[in-house]
Amino acid sequence: MKNNSTQQKKPRLPPGQHETKQFPVLQKGSIAHINRKDYQLKIEGEIEHPKIFSLEDLKKIKDLEITEDIHCVTSWSKFDTRWGGVSFKKIFNILKPKSSANFVEFSCADDNFTTTVPLERLLDDNAILAINFDNLPISDKHGGPVRAIIPNLYFYKSAKWVIKITFLEKDRLGYWERQGYSNDANPWKEQRYTSDD
């Protein structure tokens, strides 16, 4: 009988990554500062029920807490980050994406930053529209009041300062993707640049 302990486990660090205990702050432009009291998230596009959520609305429907490793395309990884918010599965149940919806675009408050992910990646159990980090409201520097967390992709797909979500039939390249970064952004395949896709 084989000893199961000899079977190899998947490593926590994807290829080319190193662990950091810090939480580096990186963004395209300057840190966005959003008035939380007046915050609005507009969701539109290929959905049956377009909607605008306030931060209080999102707090009322919060349904998920996750602890996940995150991986930045610049090669750092941080283990066991804790996020709370609304699962994308719950959002989909409210908004009812149409059969024509294949991609989801995040638009952000920092200098018109956008990124797009396939809708199916948001059906992962750990994909979340986060409003908390370490049981506290997300700070401005880490993307608050609301950011996407999609741990199975490089972290530039986890958009900060999200103010609009658009459901799309066809893919639309975001800011970093237009600069030559991978649109697939799979850290386990080390898809950092377009040439890696």
Foldseek 3Di string as FASTA:
>chain_A
DDDPVPDDDDDQFAPQADEDQDDDFDDDADQDDDDLVPAWAWEEAQWDATDIDRPVNFVVQWDDKDFAWAAALVRYIYGGKIFTTHQVVVVCVVGVGDPLFFKKKFFADPPGWIAMDTPVLSVPPPWHFTQDTPNHGDDRSRAPRTWIDRRQFHCVNGGGRTRYMYGHNDDDHTDVLVVFAPNHRGRNQSRGGVVSD
